[in-house]
Amino acid sequence: MKNEFSIFNINRALDRVRNRSYRLIDFLQGRHVKRHYDDIKSMMQNYADPKVTKRRDGYLDSILQHAVTTCDYFNQFKNYNSIADFPVTDRNIIADNFFNFLSLDYKNKKNHKVSTSGSTGVPFETLHNLDKCYRHRAEVIYLGERANFTFGQKLIYFKLWPKMRSKNWIRNTCHYSVLGLEGEGIDAMMKDIKKDCRTGLLGYSSAFERICKHLDKTNAKPMNHCNINSIIAMSERLNDYTKEAVKKYFKTTIVSRYSTMELGIMAQEEIDRAGYFKINSGSFFIEIFDMNKDVPVKNGTYGRIVVTDLFNYAVPLIRYDTGDVGQLEIVKNNEGIEEPFLVNVEGRKLDLILNTKGEILPSQISSYMAKYGDFKQFQFVQCGEKEYVLKLNTDKKVEQEDELIAEYKSVLGGDATVKIEYVDGIPLLGSGKKKEVENTYLSNTSKHSLTLETSPQTAPHENHQPAHDAHV
């Protein structure tokens, strides 16, 4: 017992050393990250303050002025009156015209290359200027703190890594690859957790689901004296089962983070307000657009998430269509001030499920089958206008198949055709991510027009009334 207490104190001291060492290095290099950290914190905590509003407007105008004067693509918009005069861009447009998007001021400067795998869309590469990199580091630190993570403490990170398990002592991180995250790997990870005084977990939502399913299967006991104080899910939608199971086993509330490689952390779920993503309004200007037309929609309406990065001056991303969909709602924050929050952030547009009337359904539709059995994996697929397949990887067939199908048809429409398909496994994407829902019908047809109404049976946050146009 005394030995464990000594190790606990040593690890805690090392956490503080790492934190202070990072601050010292940043201080010696000019306090770039600290200045961005203070700015982000001030802007996110004081959204409606007139000084913050003026600063936010200044950041937006600065990036627009920079774009029209140094980027060939935006030069034609130099007489703009507001951001409303700029076009919507996306990965394809930028990739096809990359050198026209590249700022002449940063063409020969030291920039940082970032890339996405394209596992759920189009592969994409862009550049970040140095100040954008500092801004991103500051976002990681501050938003980590909002999820109870302190930079310097141990972080266990689930992602697609080259090795199943690796460590970085300087950063105090332990990497676990999602491709090898099975029984023995999960058991090893649980032992790893118990060795440290404080630990944060970060990774794909499906990784946490897989961990909890294993703990269910092995009849593991909840960690009543758990030293995990922060759990952040990313890249995939977090389902209700995983939220509840994580809380049960780790005694910690898991929060979702909305981020992309090319942009950074755009929003993060509030730890005390499930489903509401506080926007990183100090770094991004977010709008919600119609599914098919480049026009903003009313607040509370599903639409495409379109983002303007306020700090990437190397390759300005202005009105950049992320390919994801969601809603904005104006609600009171914890200080009682009205502020826009992202809600119902879904996956890519072509992975949405439509009912037989062509209306969008929230991806939580895949969780309706949870009460019908214990499944290793499941996936809900729309393969036609009114045809759907529920893929189940399970040791035991569903006893109430007719009831399960009837429940889905009550949401999809009485004229829906729903089939259950038993499979040996559901492959992960190349990035190691899992698709809980998939729409091969939209992917395989050239007709991608979507009705902009959510089904009244499943309309999320229906008690909140639209108040403003959906932009931040």
Protein backbone atom coordinates (compact mmCIF):
# COMPACT_ATOMS: atom_id res chain seq x y z
CA MET A 1 0.00 0.00 0.00
CA LYS A 2 2.82 2.37 0.92
CA ASN A 3 4.59 1.45 -2.32
CA GLU A 4 1.48 2.29 -4.38
CA PHE A 5 1.12 5.62 -2.55
CA SER A 6 4.74 6.51 -3.38
CA ILE A 7 4.26 5.68 -7.07
CA PHE A 8 1.06 7.75 -7.05
CA ASN A 9 2.92 10.79 -5.70
CA ILE A 10 5.82 10.35 -8.13
CA ASN A 11 3.47 10.19 -11.12
CA ARG A 12 1.56 13.22 -9.91
CA ALA A 13 4.81 15.17 -9.55
CA LEU A 14 5.89 14.13 -13.04
CA ASP A 15 2.56 15.38 -14.42
CA ARG A 16 3.24 18.81 -12.94
CA VAL A 17 6.79 18.80 -14.28
CA ARG A 18 5.60 18.05 -17.79
CA ASN A 19 2.97 20.78 -17.61
CA ARG A 20 5.43 23.40 -16.36
CA SER A 21 8.12 22.30 -18.80
CA TYR A 22 5.76 22.85 -21.72
CA ARG A 23 4.83 26.29 -20.38
CA LEU A 24 8.52 27.13 -19.95
CA ILE A 25 9.37 26.06 -23.52
CA ASP A 26 6.49 28.16 -24.85
CA PHE A 27 7.68 31.13 -22.75
CA LEU A 28 11.22 30.86 -24.11
CA GLN A 29 9.85 30.67 -27.68
CA GLY A 30 7.74 33.82 -27.32
CA ARG A 31 4.58 32.70 -25.45
CA HIS A 32 2.74 32.10 -28.73
CA VAL A 33 0.56 29.27 -27.41
CA LYS A 34 -0.15 31.08 -24.12
CA ARG A 35 -1.39 34.18 -25.94
CA HIS A 36 -3.70 32.10 -28.12
CA TYR A 37 -4.86 30.12 -25.07
CA ASP A 38 -5.78 33.31 -23.19
CA ASP A 39 -7.57 34.66 -26.26
CA ILE A 40 -9.61 31.47 -26.85
CA LYS A 41 -10.53 31.25 -23.17
CA SER A 42 -11.64 34.88 -23.08
CA MET A 43 -13.70 34.59 -26.25
CA MET A 44 -15.41 31.32 -25.36
CA GLN A 45 -16.22 32.37 -21.80
CA ASN A 46 -17.49 35.84 -22.72
CA TYR A 47 -19.34 35.26 -25.99
CA ALA A 48 -21.67 38.28 -25.76
CA ASP A 49 -19.15 40.78 -24.36
CA PRO A 50 -19.00 43.78 -26.76
CA LYS A 51 -15.19 43.69 -26.74
CA VAL A 52 -15.21 39.99 -27.65
CA THR A 53 -17.79 40.58 -30.39
CA LYS A 54 -15.60 43.33 -31.86
CA ARG A 55 -12.54 41.08 -31.74
CA ARG A 56 -14.42 38.20 -33.37
CA ASP A 57 -15.67 40.49 -36.16
CA GLY A 58 -12.11 41.77 -36.58
CA TYR A 59 -10.73 38.26 -37.01
CA LEU A 60 -13.34 37.51 -39.67
CA ASP A 61 -12.71 40.71 -41.60
CA SER A 62 -8.92 40.17 -41.42
CA ILE A 63 -9.05 36.70 -42.98
CA LEU A 64 -11.44 37.91 -45.70
CA GLN A 65 -9.21 40.89 -46.53
CA HIS A 66 -6.17 38.62 -46.58
CA ALA A 67 -7.89 36.14 -48.89
CA VAL A 68 -9.03 38.68 -51.50
CA THR A 69 -5.62 40.38 -51.64
CA THR A 70 -3.27 37.36 -51.60
CA CYS A 71 -5.23 34.40 -53.07
CA ASP A 72 -6.02 34.25 -56.77
CA TYR A 73 -9.23 32.33 -56.17
CA PHE A 74 -10.71 35.03 -53.92
CA ASN A 75 -9.36 38.06 -55.79
CA GLN A 76 -12.62 38.44 -57.72
CA PHE A 77 -14.46 39.13 -54.43
CA LYS A 78 -12.29 42.08 -53.34
CA ASN A 79 -15.30 44.42 -53.40
CA TYR A 80 -17.24 42.29 -50.91
CA ASN A 81 -19.55 43.83 -48.33
CA SER A 82 -19.70 40.83 -46.01
CA ILE A 83 -18.96 37.13 -45.92
CA ALA A 84 -22.33 36.60 -47.63
CA ASP A 85 -20.64 37.68 -50.88
CA PHE A 86 -18.21 34.73 -50.77
CA PRO A 87 -18.93 31.33 -52.38
CA VAL A 88 -19.08 27.98 -50.63
CA THR A 89 -15.97 25.83 -51.11
CA ASP A 90 -15.22 22.19 -50.40
CA ARG A 91 -12.43 19.63 -50.62
CA ASN A 92 -12.88 19.01 -54.33
CA ILE A 93 -12.85 22.69 -55.25
CA ILE A 94 -9.73 23.38 -53.18
CA ALA A 95 -7.88 20.26 -54.37
CA ASP A 96 -8.59 21.12 -58.02
CA ASN A 97 -7.44 24.73 -57.56
CA PHE A 98 -4.95 24.38 -54.73
CA PHE A 99 -2.37 26.92 -55.92
CA ASN A 100 -5.14 29.48 -56.44
CA PHE A 101 -6.13 29.04 -52.79
CA LEU A 102 -2.52 29.20 -51.54
CA SER A 103 -1.73 32.67 -50.23
CA LEU A 104 1.12 34.40 -52.06
CA ASP A 105 2.33 35.75 -48.70
CA TYR A 106 2.85 32.19 -47.41
CA LYS A 107 3.96 30.46 -50.60
CA ASN A 108 7.62 30.31 -49.58
CA LYS A 109 7.19 30.29 -45.80
CA LYS A 110 7.49 27.35 -43.45
CA ASN A 111 4.04 25.78 -43.30
CA HIS A 112 2.75 22.57 -41.78
CA LYS A 113 1.12 19.98 -44.05
CA VAL A 114 -2.08 18.33 -42.78
CA SER A 115 -4.01 15.58 -44.49
CA THR A 116 -7.13 13.50 -44.02
CA SER A 117 -7.43 9.85 -44.97
CA GLY A 118 -10.68 10.31 -46.86
CA SER A 119 -12.16 7.26 -45.14
CA THR A 120 -15.57 8.92 -45.00
CA GLY A 121 -15.18 11.26 -47.93
CA VAL A 122 -12.53 12.69 -50.27
CA PRO A 123 -8.80 12.49 -49.30
CA PHE A 124 -7.53 16.00 -48.74
CA GLU A 125 -4.28 17.83 -48.04
CA THR A 126 -3.74 21.45 -47.08
CA LEU A 127 -1.26 23.69 -45.27
CA HIS A 128 -1.33 25.45 -41.90
CA ASN A 129 0.78 28.52 -41.25
CA LEU A 130 2.76 28.63 -38.01
CA ASP A 131 0.30 30.88 -36.16
CA LYS A 132 -2.54 28.50 -37.08
CA CYS A 133 -0.49 25.68 -35.51
CA TYR A 134 -0.09 27.69 -32.31
CA ARG A 135 -3.82 28.37 -32.29
CA HIS A 136 -4.59 24.69 -32.66
CA ARG A 137 -2.28 23.73 -29.78
CA ALA A 138 -4.04 26.30 -27.61
CA GLU A 139 -7.44 24.86 -28.61
CA VAL A 140 -6.33 21.39 -27.58
CA ILE A 141 -5.18 22.62 -24.16
CA TYR A 142 -8.17 24.83 -23.37
CA LEU A 143 -10.88 22.49 -24.65
CA GLY A 144 -9.14 19.63 -22.87
CA GLU A 145 -9.51 21.60 -19.65
CA ARG A 146 -13.21 22.09 -20.35
CA ALA A 147 -13.43 18.28 -20.34
CA ASN A 148 -11.41 18.05 -17.08
CA PHE A 149 -8.11 17.14 -18.76
CA THR A 150 -4.95 18.93 -17.64
CA PHE A 151 -2.06 19.02 -20.08
CA GLY A 152 0.80 16.94 -18.67
CA GLN A 153 -1.30 14.19 -17.11
CA LYS A 154 -1.41 10.79 -18.77
CA LEU A 155 -3.47 10.47 -21.95
CA ILE A 156 -4.52 7.14 -23.44
CA TYR A 157 -5.31 7.74 -27.11
CA PHE A 158 -7.32 5.29 -29.27
CA LYS A 159 -6.82 5.79 -32.99
CA LEU A 160 -5.37 4.05 -36.03
CA TRP A 161 -1.72 3.81 -34.98
CA PRO A 162 1.12 1.86 -36.68
CA LYS A 163 1.56 -0.30 -33.59
CA MET A 164 -1.03 -1.85 -31.31
CA ARG A 165 0.48 -0.12 -28.28
CA SER A 166 3.20 2.50 -27.96
CA LYS A 167 4.26 5.17 -25.48
CA ASN A 168 5.57 8.71 -25.65
CA TRP A 169 7.09 9.52 -22.27
CA ILE A 170 7.71 13.20 -22.97
CA ARG A 171 4.07 13.85 -23.90
CA ASN A 172 2.87 11.27 -21.38
CA THR A 173 0.68 9.53 -23.94
CA CYS A 174 -0.04 5.88 -24.55
CA HIS A 175 -1.34 4.98 -28.00
CA TYR A 176 -3.67 2.03 -28.60
CA SER A 177 -4.54 1.14 -32.17
CA VAL A 178 -8.24 0.53 -32.77
CA LEU A 179 -7.42 -2.28 -35.20
CA GLY A 180 -6.06 -4.45 -32.40
CA LEU A 181 -8.36 -3.35 -29.63
CA GLU A 182 -9.71 -6.73 -28.60
CA GLY A 183 -9.91 -8.73 -25.39
CA GLU A 184 -6.26 -8.96 -24.34
CA GLY A 185 -5.51 -5.44 -25.58
CA ILE A 186 -8.40 -4.02 -23.56
CA ASP A 187 -7.30 -5.95 -20.46
CA ALA A 188 -3.79 -4.53 -20.85
CA MET A 189 -5.21 -1.03 -21.23
CA MET A 190 -7.28 -1.38 -18.05
CA LYS A 191 -4.14 -2.38 -16.14
CA ASP A 192 -2.38 0.63 -17.64
CA ILE A 193 -5.09 2.94 -16.33
CA LYS A 194 -4.75 1.72 -12.75
CA LYS A 195 -1.04 2.56 -12.61
CA ASP A 196 -1.44 6.35 -12.81
CA CYS A 197 -2.83 8.97 -10.46
CA ARG A 198 -4.86 10.74 -13.16
CA THR A 199 -5.63 9.60 -16.68
CA GLY A 200 -7.54 11.01 -19.64
CA LEU A 201 -8.99 8.94 -22.47
CA LEU A 202 -9.34 10.20 -26.05
CA GLY A 203 -10.39 8.28 -29.13
CA TYR A 204 -12.95 7.12 -31.65
CA SER A 205 -16.44 6.64 -30.22
CA SER A 206 -16.51 3.07 -31.51
CA ALA A 207 -13.35 2.29 -29.51
CA PHE A 208 -15.12 3.19 -26.28
CA GLU A 209 -18.13 1.13 -27.36
CA ARG A 210 -15.86 -1.87 -27.99
CA ILE A 211 -14.18 -1.47 -24.60
CA CYS A 212 -17.53 -1.35 -22.79
CA LYS A 213 -18.87 -4.36 -24.72
CA HIS A 214 -15.79 -6.32 -23.59
CA LEU A 215 -16.32 -5.22 -19.99
CA ASP A 216 -19.95 -6.35 -20.24
CA LYS A 217 -18.89 -9.72 -21.63
CA THR A 218 -16.31 -10.34 -18.90
CA ASN A 219 -18.66 -9.16 -16.13
CA ALA A 220 -16.18 -6.50 -15.11
CA LYS A 221 -16.92 -4.41 -12.04
CA PRO A 222 -17.19 -0.63 -12.20
CA MET A 223 -14.02 1.19 -11.17
CA ASN A 224 -15.34 2.73 -7.96
CA HIS A 225 -12.00 4.38 -7.23
CA CYS A 226 -11.32 5.26 -10.84
CA ASN A 227 -8.52 7.72 -11.53
CA ILE A 228 -9.93 8.66 -14.95
CA ASN A 229 -11.10 12.25 -14.84
CA SER A 230 -11.57 13.02 -18.56
CA ILE A 231 -13.01 11.03 -21.48
CA ILE A 232 -13.37 12.60 -24.95
CA ALA A 233 -14.88 10.86 -27.97
CA MET A 234 -14.19 12.03 -31.51
CA SER A 235 -14.68 11.27 -35.22
CA GLU A 236 -17.89 9.24 -34.86
CA ARG A 237 -21.31 9.78 -33.33
CA LEU A 238 -21.52 8.76 -29.69
CA ASN A 239 -24.50 6.47 -29.09
CA ASP A 240 -26.57 6.24 -25.91
CA TYR A 241 -25.28 2.79 -24.96
CA THR A 242 -21.67 3.99 -24.92
CA LYS A 243 -22.50 7.11 -22.89
CA GLU A 244 -24.26 5.06 -20.22
CA ALA A 245 -21.71 2.23 -20.19
CA VAL A 246 -18.73 4.60 -19.89
CA LYS A 247 -20.41 6.35 -16.97
CA LYS A 248 -21.07 2.98 -15.35
CA TYR A 249 -17.56 1.56 -15.66
CA PHE A 250 -15.38 4.66 -15.36
CA LYS A 251 -17.55 6.96 -13.19
CA THR A 252 -16.84 9.79 -15.65
CA THR A 253 -19.03 11.63 -18.16
CA ILE A 254 -17.87 11.16 -21.73
CA VAL A 255 -18.12 14.17 -24.06
CA SER A 256 -17.98 14.37 -27.85
CA ARG A 257 -15.64 16.63 -29.78
CA TYR A 258 -16.34 17.96 -33.28
CA SER A 259 -13.09 18.41 -35.14
CA THR A 260 -11.36 17.74 -38.45
CA MET A 261 -7.71 17.54 -39.41
CA GLU A 262 -7.90 20.45 -41.86
CA LEU A 263 -9.71 22.80 -39.47
CA GLY A 264 -9.08 21.84 -35.84
CA ILE A 265 -11.51 21.66 -32.92
CA MET A 266 -14.68 23.48 -33.93
CA ALA A 267 -16.93 22.53 -31.03
CA GLN A 268 -17.08 20.33 -27.96
CA GLU A 269 -20.00 18.92 -26.01
CA GLU A 270 -20.56 20.55 -22.64
CA ILE A 271 -19.79 18.16 -19.80
CA ASP A 272 -22.91 19.20 -17.91
CA ARG A 273 -25.21 19.61 -20.95
CA ALA A 274 -25.43 16.48 -23.06
CA GLY A 275 -25.97 17.03 -26.77
CA TYR A 276 -24.97 20.70 -26.79
CA PHE A 277 -21.65 21.51 -28.44
CA LYS A 278 -20.07 24.79 -27.37
CA ILE A 279 -18.60 26.39 -30.45
CA ASN A 280 -14.98 27.47 -30.59
CA SER A 281 -16.15 30.92 -31.67
CA GLY A 282 -12.71 32.42 -31.12
CA SER A 283 -11.27 30.41 -34.01
CA PHE A 284 -14.19 29.66 -36.35
CA PHE A 285 -17.21 31.27 -37.96
CA ILE A 286 -19.89 28.62 -38.47
CA GLU A 287 -22.94 28.70 -40.71
CA ILE A 288 -25.61 26.10 -41.48
CA PHE A 289 -26.60 25.87 -45.14
CA ASP A 290 -29.44 24.29 -47.06
CA MET A 291 -28.76 20.69 -48.07
CA ASN A 292 -28.90 21.46 -51.78
CA LYS A 293 -28.58 25.24 -52.21
CA ASP A 294 -25.84 27.57 -51.02
CA VAL A 295 -28.09 29.62 -48.77
CA PRO A 296 -28.20 29.77 -44.94
CA VAL A 297 -31.14 28.09 -43.19
CA LYS A 298 -33.16 29.14 -40.17
CA ASN A 299 -31.89 28.20 -36.75
CA GLY A 300 -33.00 24.72 -35.68
CA THR A 301 -33.03 23.35 -39.23
CA TYR A 302 -30.81 20.50 -40.37
CA GLY A 303 -28.25 21.60 -42.89
CA ARG A 304 -24.65 21.44 -44.07
CA ILE A 305 -22.03 22.65 -41.61
CA VAL A 306 -20.05 25.39 -43.38
CA VAL A 307 -16.99 26.77 -41.60
CA THR A 308 -14.68 29.74 -42.03
CA ASP A 309 -11.29 29.27 -40.35
CA LEU A 310 -10.24 32.59 -38.81
CA PHE A 311 -6.54 31.67 -38.45
CA ASN A 312 -5.40 29.67 -41.47
CA TYR A 313 -3.69 32.34 -43.55
CA ALA A 314 -1.61 29.92 -45.64
CA VAL A 315 -4.63 28.35 -47.36
CA PRO A 316 -7.74 30.29 -46.27
CA LEU A 317 -10.74 28.02 -45.78
CA ILE A 318 -13.67 30.39 -46.24
CA ARG A 319 -17.19 29.05 -46.21
CA TYR A 320 -15.75 25.55 -46.31
CA ASP A 321 -18.36 22.78 -46.55
CA THR A 322 -17.19 20.13 -44.09
CA GLY A 323 -19.50 17.50 -45.59
CA ASP A 324 -21.17 17.06 -42.20
CA VAL A 325 -24.65 18.10 -41.16
CA GLY A 326 -26.11 19.52 -37.99
CA GLN A 327 -28.20 22.26 -36.46
CA LEU A 328 -27.59 25.48 -34.55
CA GLU A 329 -29.74 26.57 -31.65
CA ILE A 330 -29.61 29.79 -29.67
CA VAL A 331 -29.86 28.83 -26.00
CA LYS A 332 -28.76 30.25 -22.68
CA ASN A 333 -25.27 29.21 -21.60
CA ASN A 334 -24.28 28.46 -18.00
CA GLU A 335 -24.06 32.20 -17.31
CA GLY A 336 -27.59 32.81 -18.56
CA ILE A 337 -26.40 34.52 -21.77
CA GLU A 338 -27.91 33.54 -25.14
CA GLU A 339 -25.32 31.85 -27.32
CA PRO A 340 -25.36 29.59 -30.42
CA PHE A 341 -24.65 25.91 -29.82
CA LEU A 342 -24.22 23.13 -32.35
CA VAL A 343 -26.68 20.28 -31.76
CA ASN A 344 -27.38 17.00 -33.51
CA VAL A 345 -24.02 16.95 -35.25
CA GLU A 346 -24.28 14.03 -37.65
CA GLY A 347 -21.91 12.34 -40.03
CA ARG A 348 -21.48 13.08 -43.67
CA LYS A 349 -24.48 14.07 -45.76
CA LEU A 350 -24.41 10.87 -47.83
CA ASP A 351 -24.51 8.72 -44.67
CA LEU A 352 -27.83 10.12 -43.47
CA ILE A 353 -30.84 7.83 -43.27
CA LEU A 354 -34.06 8.99 -44.93
CA ASN A 355 -37.55 7.69 -44.22
CA THR A 356 -39.78 6.61 -47.09
CA LYS A 357 -40.95 10.22 -47.55
CA GLY A 358 -37.37 11.38 -48.07
CA GLU A 359 -37.14 13.10 -44.67
CA ILE A 360 -33.90 13.01 -42.67
CA LEU A 361 -33.78 10.82 -39.58
CA PRO A 362 -31.22 11.25 -36.79
CA SER A 363 -28.55 8.54 -36.80
CA GLN A 364 -29.77 7.36 -33.37
CA ILE A 365 -32.13 5.21 -35.42
CA SER A 366 -29.44 2.52 -35.31
CA SER A 367 -29.83 2.17 -31.55
CA TYR A 368 -33.49 1.06 -31.57
CA MET A 369 -32.43 -2.58 -31.69
CA ALA A 370 -30.44 -2.45 -28.42
CA LYS A 371 -33.28 -3.96 -26.36
CA TYR A 372 -33.59 -6.96 -28.70
CA GLY A 373 -30.32 -8.65 -27.83
CA ASP A 374 -26.63 -8.41 -27.07
CA PHE A 375 -24.86 -7.72 -30.36
CA LYS A 376 -21.13 -7.69 -31.01
CA GLN A 377 -21.62 -5.22 -33.86
CA PHE A 378 -24.50 -3.70 -35.79
CA GLN A 379 -24.98 -1.45 -38.77
CA PHE A 380 -28.10 0.07 -40.31
CA VAL A 381 -27.99 0.52 -44.09
CA GLN A 382 -30.38 2.26 -46.47
CA CYS A 383 -29.91 0.53 -49.81
CA GLY A 384 -32.93 1.91 -51.71
CA GLU A 385 -35.52 4.65 -51.59
CA LYS A 386 -37.62 2.45 -49.28
CA GLU A 387 -35.29 -0.50 -48.70
CA TYR A 388 -33.23 -0.98 -45.53
CA VAL A 389 -30.96 -3.67 -44.09
CA LEU A 390 -30.04 -4.16 -40.45
CA LYS A 391 -26.72 -6.02 -40.24
CA LEU A 392 -26.15 -7.88 -36.96
CA ASN A 393 -23.03 -9.65 -35.75
CA THR A 394 -24.26 -11.82 -32.90
CA ASP A 395 -23.93 -15.31 -31.43
CA LYS A 396 -27.69 -15.61 -31.07
CA LYS A 397 -30.41 -14.68 -33.55
CA VAL A 398 -33.07 -12.18 -32.56
CA GLU A 399 -36.13 -13.98 -31.16
CA GLN A 400 -38.51 -11.09 -31.88
CA GLU A 401 -37.51 -10.29 -35.45
CA ASP A 402 -41.04 -9.25 -36.43
CA GLU A 403 -41.27 -6.82 -33.50
CA LEU A 404 -37.88 -5.32 -34.31
CA ILE A 405 -38.81 -4.82 -37.96
CA ALA A 406 -42.18 -3.33 -36.94
CA GLU A 407 -40.44 -0.83 -34.65
CA TYR A 408 -38.17 0.32 -37.45
CA LYS A 409 -41.09 0.59 -39.89
CA SER A 410 -42.97 2.78 -37.39
CA VAL A 411 -40.18 5.32 -37.82
CA LEU A 412 -39.21 4.73 -41.46
CA GLY A 413 -42.73 4.42 -42.82
CA GLY A 414 -45.29 1.65 -43.19
CA ASP A 415 -44.23 1.11 -46.80
CA ALA A 416 -40.60 0.45 -45.84
CA THR A 417 -38.95 -2.90 -46.55
CA VAL A 418 -36.66 -3.84 -43.66
CA LYS A 419 -34.51 -6.96 -43.69
CA ILE A 420 -32.29 -8.43 -41.01
CA GLU A 421 -28.96 -9.81 -42.19
CA TYR A 422 -26.71 -11.84 -39.88
CA VAL A 423 -23.01 -11.31 -40.57
CA ASP A 424 -19.74 -12.60 -39.12
CA GLY A 425 -18.32 -9.10 -38.82
CA ILE A 426 -18.61 -5.51 -39.98
CA PRO A 427 -15.24 -4.28 -41.31
CA LEU A 428 -13.81 -1.01 -40.04
CA LEU A 429 -12.96 1.72 -42.50
CA GLY A 430 -9.36 2.23 -43.60
CA SER A 431 -8.96 4.86 -40.88
CA GLY A 432 -10.08 2.42 -38.19
CA LYS A 433 -13.44 4.18 -37.80
CA LYS A 434 -16.79 2.43 -37.72
CA LYS A 435 -19.87 3.33 -39.74
CA GLU A 436 -22.91 2.74 -37.56
CA VAL A 437 -25.21 3.93 -40.32
CA GLU A 438 -24.64 3.92 -44.07
CA ASN A 439 -26.67 5.08 -47.05
CA THR A 440 -25.62 3.22 -50.18
CA TYR A 441 -28.77 4.48 -51.92
CA LEU A 442 -27.58 8.09 -51.81
CA SER A 443 -24.00 7.09 -52.60
CA ASN A 444 -25.02 5.20 -55.73
CA THR A 445 -27.53 7.63 -57.19
CA SER A 446 -27.00 11.00 -58.76
CA LYS A 447 -30.17 12.30 -57.14
CA HIS A 448 -29.01 13.64 -53.78
CA SER A 449 -31.85 16.08 -53.09
CA LEU A 450 -32.96 15.84 -49.47
CA THR A 451 -36.15 17.09 -47.84
CA LEU A 452 -35.24 19.63 -45.16
CA GLU A 453 -37.64 18.36 -42.53
CA THR A 454 -36.93 15.94 -39.75
CA SER A 455 -39.54 13.29 -39.13
CA PRO A 456 -41.98 14.56 -36.46
CA GLN A 457 -41.63 11.20 -34.71
CA THR A 458 -37.96 11.70 -34.09
CA ALA A 459 -37.39 15.45 -34.38
CA PRO A 460 -34.52 16.22 -31.97
CA HIS A 461 -34.66 19.15 -29.51
CA GLU A 462 -38.19 19.85 -30.71
CA ASN A 463 -39.00 22.00 -27.66
CA HIS A 464 -36.51 24.69 -28.67
CA GLN A 465 -37.91 27.32 -30.96
CA PRO A 466 -35.84 28.85 -33.78
CA ALA A 467 -34.73 32.34 -32.86
CA HIS A 468 -32.12 33.56 -35.34
CA ASP A 469 -30.51 32.70 -38.63
CA ALA A 470 -28.17 29.77 -38.16
CA HIS A 471 -24.78 31.39 -38.19
CA VAL A 472 -22.19 32.35 -35.62
